[in-house]
Structure formats: structure tokens, C-alpha cells
Protein backbone atom coordinates (compact mmCIF):
# COMPACT_ATOMS: atom_id res chain seq x y z
CA MET A 1 0.26 9.35 -23.86
CA LEU A 2 2.10 9.90 -20.58
CA ASN A 3 2.08 6.17 -19.90
CA PHE A 4 3.64 5.57 -23.32
CA VAL A 5 6.43 8.10 -22.63
CA VAL A 6 7.14 6.68 -19.15
CA THR A 7 7.19 3.16 -20.61
CA LYS A 8 9.71 4.16 -23.29
CA ILE A 9 11.97 5.99 -20.80
CA ALA A 10 11.86 3.07 -18.36
CA ARG A 11 12.61 0.54 -21.11
CA HIS A 12 15.52 2.44 -22.67
CA LEU A 13 17.19 3.97 -19.62
CA PHE A 14 16.65 1.31 -17.00
CA GLY A 15 16.05 -1.82 -19.03
CA LEU A 16 12.62 -2.34 -17.52
CA ASN A 17 10.25 -4.41 -19.64
CA ILE A 18 6.86 -2.95 -18.95
CA ASN A 19 3.77 -4.69 -20.20
CA ARG A 20 0.20 -4.59 -19.00
CA PHE A 21 0.82 -7.28 -16.36
CA ASN A 22 3.75 -5.71 -14.54
CA TYR A 23 3.10 -2.05 -15.37
CA ASN A 24 2.31 -0.94 -11.81
CA ASN A 25 5.34 -2.68 -10.32
CA SER A 26 7.76 -1.35 -12.94
CA PHE A 27 6.25 2.11 -12.88
CA MET A 28 6.58 2.27 -9.09
CA LYS A 29 10.21 1.17 -9.34
CA PHE A 30 10.90 3.85 -11.95
CA LYS A 31 9.01 6.43 -9.86
CA ASN A 32 11.06 5.58 -6.74
CA ILE A 33 14.33 5.85 -8.66
CA PHE A 34 13.27 9.10 -10.33
CA VAL A 35 12.12 10.78 -7.11
CA ALA A 36 15.26 9.61 -5.28
CA PHE A 37 17.35 11.02 -8.13
CA LEU A 38 15.62 14.41 -7.80
CA VAL A 39 15.97 14.48 -4.01
CA ILE A 40 19.67 13.55 -4.12
CA LEU A 41 20.33 16.06 -6.91
CA LEU A 42 18.54 18.80 -4.96
CA GLY A 43 20.64 17.94 -1.91
CA TRP A 44 23.78 18.08 -4.04
CA MET A 45 22.82 21.48 -5.45
CA LEU A 46 22.13 22.86 -1.97
CA LEU A 47 25.39 21.49 -0.56
CA THR A 48 27.62 22.69 -3.41
CA TRP A 49 25.68 25.91 -4.01
CA SER A 50 27.16 26.07 -7.50
CA LEU A 51 25.62 26.33 -10.95
CA GLU A 52 28.82 25.56 -12.82
CA LEU A 53 28.37 22.93 -15.53
CA GLN A 54 31.06 20.66 -14.08
CA SER A 55 29.41 20.67 -10.63
CA ILE A 56 25.95 20.01 -12.09
CA LEU A 57 27.20 17.13 -14.26
CA LEU A 58 29.01 15.58 -11.30
CA GLY A 59 25.83 15.94 -9.21
CA VAL A 60 23.72 14.32 -11.94
CA GLY A 61 26.16 11.41 -12.17
CA ILE A 62 26.35 10.87 -8.41
CA SER A 63 22.57 11.20 -8.07
CA ALA A 64 21.95 8.69 -10.86
CA VAL A 65 24.35 6.12 -9.41
CA LEU A 66 23.05 6.49 -5.84
CA SER A 67 19.39 6.40 -6.84
CA LEU A 68 19.93 3.27 -8.96
CA LEU A 69 21.90 1.55 -6.19
CA LEU A 70 19.73 2.55 -3.24
CA CYS A 71 16.20 2.76 -4.62
CA GLY A 72 15.91 -0.17 -6.96
CA SER A 73 13.76 -1.98 -4.41
CA CYS A 74 12.72 0.75 -1.98
CA THR A 75 9.09 1.73 -1.56
CA LEU A 76 9.58 5.05 0.19
CA PHE A 77 8.26 7.23 -2.61
CA ASN A 78 5.33 5.03 -3.73
CA GLU A 79 2.84 7.26 -1.93
CA ILE A 80 3.92 10.55 -3.53
CA ASN A 81 1.53 12.00 -6.09
CA LEU A 82 3.52 13.23 -9.08
CA THR A 83 0.95 15.71 -10.34
CA PRO A 84 1.20 19.46 -10.94
CA LYS A 85 -1.35 20.00 -8.16
CA ALA A 86 0.79 18.02 -5.69
CA PHE A 87 3.89 20.02 -6.65
CA ALA A 88 2.00 23.29 -6.16
CA TYR A 89 0.73 22.10 -2.79
CA SER A 90 4.31 21.16 -1.82
CA PHE A 91 5.40 24.76 -2.24
CA TRP A 92 2.28 25.97 -0.45
CA TYR A 93 3.03 23.51 2.38
CA LEU A 94 6.52 24.96 2.71
CA ILE A 95 5.10 28.48 2.96
CA VAL A 96 2.49 27.46 5.55
CA PHE A 97 5.16 25.60 7.54
CA LEU A 98 7.51 28.61 7.52
CA ILE A 99 4.70 30.93 8.67
CA GLU A 100 3.79 28.53 11.50
CA LEU A 101 7.47 28.21 12.40
CA VAL A 102 7.86 31.99 12.75
CA LYS A 103 4.62 32.27 14.76
CA ALA A 104 5.70 29.47 17.10
CA ASN A 105 9.16 31.00 17.59
CA ILE A 106 7.63 34.35 18.51
CA ASP A 107 5.19 32.65 20.91
CA VAL A 108 7.88 30.62 22.68
CA THR A 109 10.19 33.64 22.87
CA ARG A 110 7.37 35.68 24.46
CA ARG A 111 6.76 32.92 27.00
CA VAL A 112 10.44 32.58 27.88
CA LEU A 113 10.97 36.33 28.30
CA SER A 114 7.80 36.82 30.35
CA PRO A 115 8.56 37.03 34.10
CA SER A 116 5.53 34.87 34.97
CA MET A 117 6.50 32.16 32.42
CA PRO A 118 2.94 31.47 31.18
CA ILE A 119 3.12 27.79 30.30
CA ASN A 120 0.69 24.94 30.77
CA PRO A 121 2.63 21.91 29.48
CA GLY A 122 1.03 18.59 28.81
CA ILE A 123 0.71 15.66 26.45
CA VAL A 124 -2.30 15.67 24.15
CA LYS A 125 -3.65 13.15 21.70
CA VAL A 126 -4.36 14.42 18.21
CA GLU A 127 -5.90 12.42 15.39
CA THR A 128 -5.05 12.46 11.72
CA THR A 129 -6.94 11.31 8.67
CA LEU A 130 -3.73 10.73 6.70
CA LYS A 131 -3.33 7.16 5.46
CA SER A 132 0.15 7.47 3.95
CA LYS A 133 3.04 6.56 6.25
CA LEU A 134 5.25 9.18 4.63
CA ALA A 135 2.59 11.87 5.09
CA ARG A 136 2.26 10.96 8.79
CA LEU A 137 6.02 11.13 9.15
CA ILE A 138 6.16 14.58 7.55
CA LEU A 139 3.26 15.72 9.75
CA ALA A 140 5.01 14.48 12.91
CA ASN A 141 8.28 16.16 11.89
CA SER A 142 6.50 19.42 11.06
CA ILE A 143 4.88 19.41 14.50
CA THR A 144 8.21 18.67 16.17
CA LEU A 145 10.10 21.35 14.23
CA THR A 146 7.73 24.09 15.35
CA PRO A 147 8.81 25.29 18.82
CA GLY A 148 6.38 24.53 21.62
CA THR A 149 5.29 21.15 20.29
CA PHE A 150 7.05 17.80 20.18
CA THR A 151 5.67 14.60 18.67
CA ILE A 152 6.27 11.76 21.10
CA GLU A 153 4.59 8.84 19.36
CA ILE A 154 2.65 7.91 16.25
CA ASN A 155 0.12 5.16 16.90
CA ASP A 156 -2.17 4.30 13.95
CA ASP A 157 -4.32 7.42 13.39
CA ALA A 158 -3.19 9.13 16.59
CA LEU A 159 -0.19 11.27 17.40
CA TYR A 160 0.81 12.04 20.97
CA VAL A 161 2.24 15.54 21.21
CA HIS A 162 3.90 17.39 24.08
CA TRP A 163 2.48 20.91 23.97
CA ILE A 164 4.03 23.82 25.86
CA ASP A 165 0.67 25.46 26.47
CA VAL A 166 -2.26 23.05 26.33
CA GLU A 167 -5.19 25.07 25.03
CA SER A 168 -7.58 22.14 24.72
CA ASP A 169 -7.68 18.77 26.49
CA ASP A 170 -10.13 17.18 24.06
CA VAL A 171 -8.90 15.41 20.95
CA GLU A 172 -10.88 17.53 18.47
CA GLY A 173 -9.69 20.86 19.88
CA ALA A 174 -6.06 19.78 20.04
CA THR A 175 -6.26 18.33 16.53
CA LYS A 176 -7.68 21.57 15.17
CA ALA A 177 -5.03 23.68 16.89
CA ILE A 178 -2.00 21.55 16.04
CA VAL A 179 -2.68 19.36 12.99
CA SER A 180 -5.37 20.88 10.78
CA LYS A 181 -3.24 23.50 9.00
CA PHE A 182 -0.73 20.88 7.83
CA GLU A 183 -3.06 17.94 7.23
CA LYS A 184 -5.15 19.48 4.46
CA LEU A 185 -2.11 20.09 2.30
CA LEU A 186 -0.53 16.71 3.00
CA GLU A 187 -3.73 14.94 1.92
CA VAL A 188 -3.38 16.45 -1.56
CA MET A 189 0.35 15.68 -1.73
CA TYR A 190 0.10 12.05 -0.58
CA GLY A 191 -3.50 11.06 -1.13
């Protein structure tokens, strides 16, 4: 039933002729445009911070035009799972990230204010099981945004991270300490 609805929307709104041979290609194009539309509209709403009808309609129009112009052939959002479970995990990911962000800020502040400056900096290799490029990018950015860690390079299944206080030199220990809390949620969101 959902496929039928998506097919009808894609055919009427975007002029896409979806049949059983090009369904995946057309659906992915529609999915990319739709997700881009939502992201741009969310950005518009956050920038204008207004719920007036005129502002919302202008945001919808700008988002529609930009998403049609910019994401007709992009593949950025192909890997996103558009399921209720993935949406729920997205909010859970945001909560986990914010908690880790606060913990990391407190830890770095404690280290900076301590007279002995208890740091043991180093570069560690951590491994990820994520296959999606977008999921790896979000993982690397999440690591970098938390104070005390900085992603230097992504190389296949490995990330090289500068860590302010290296707790473990081995790959498994560093992976557990840095990556594991984010990775589980990203696997559900991006497969």
C-alpha cells in the first residue's frame, strides 16, 4: 500500500513514471528530494524561528525549489532508513550525543582547571562496523564535536582519533570507549 501511495505522489508531483523496472531508481530520487526538502525546511524554521503562516509558506516554497534543483541527481540520502524505528533512534541519538557532550565538557574543564593538567594525549585507531558513508561521517563528526577527541582521518573501517587522555592503546579498548555508544544507534538509522 505504501509503495502505491509513494508511486502516486511521485508521478503526480514530480512527473516520475515509476514502473517495476525503474522503481528503485525513481523511489531513491523521490526519497532524496523529500529528505532534502525536510532538511532545508527544518533549517528555514530554525533560522526564522517563526510559526507565522507567511513565513512557513515561504519556507515550504524555498525548500521545494532548492530540493528539486539540488537533489534531483544527488545520492546523499540513499542510505537513510525512513522508518518509524529510525526516526525514534534519531531522537535517541541526539539525546545520547548531548549527554556525551556535557560529560566531555565537564571532563575537559576539570583537566584544564587542575594544576597538574592530567592529560595523556595520543592518536588511537578505532574501528567501526558501519557500512554507510553518511553514518561514518556522522560518527566522525560526533567524535570531533565532543571535547577531548578529534577525528583525524577515516580510512575504510578505521577512524584515527586524537584523544586528550588515552585510556587504552589497543583498538578494541579505544573503540569501546569512543565509538560504541554512537555506533549502535547509527546502525539502526543507516543500516
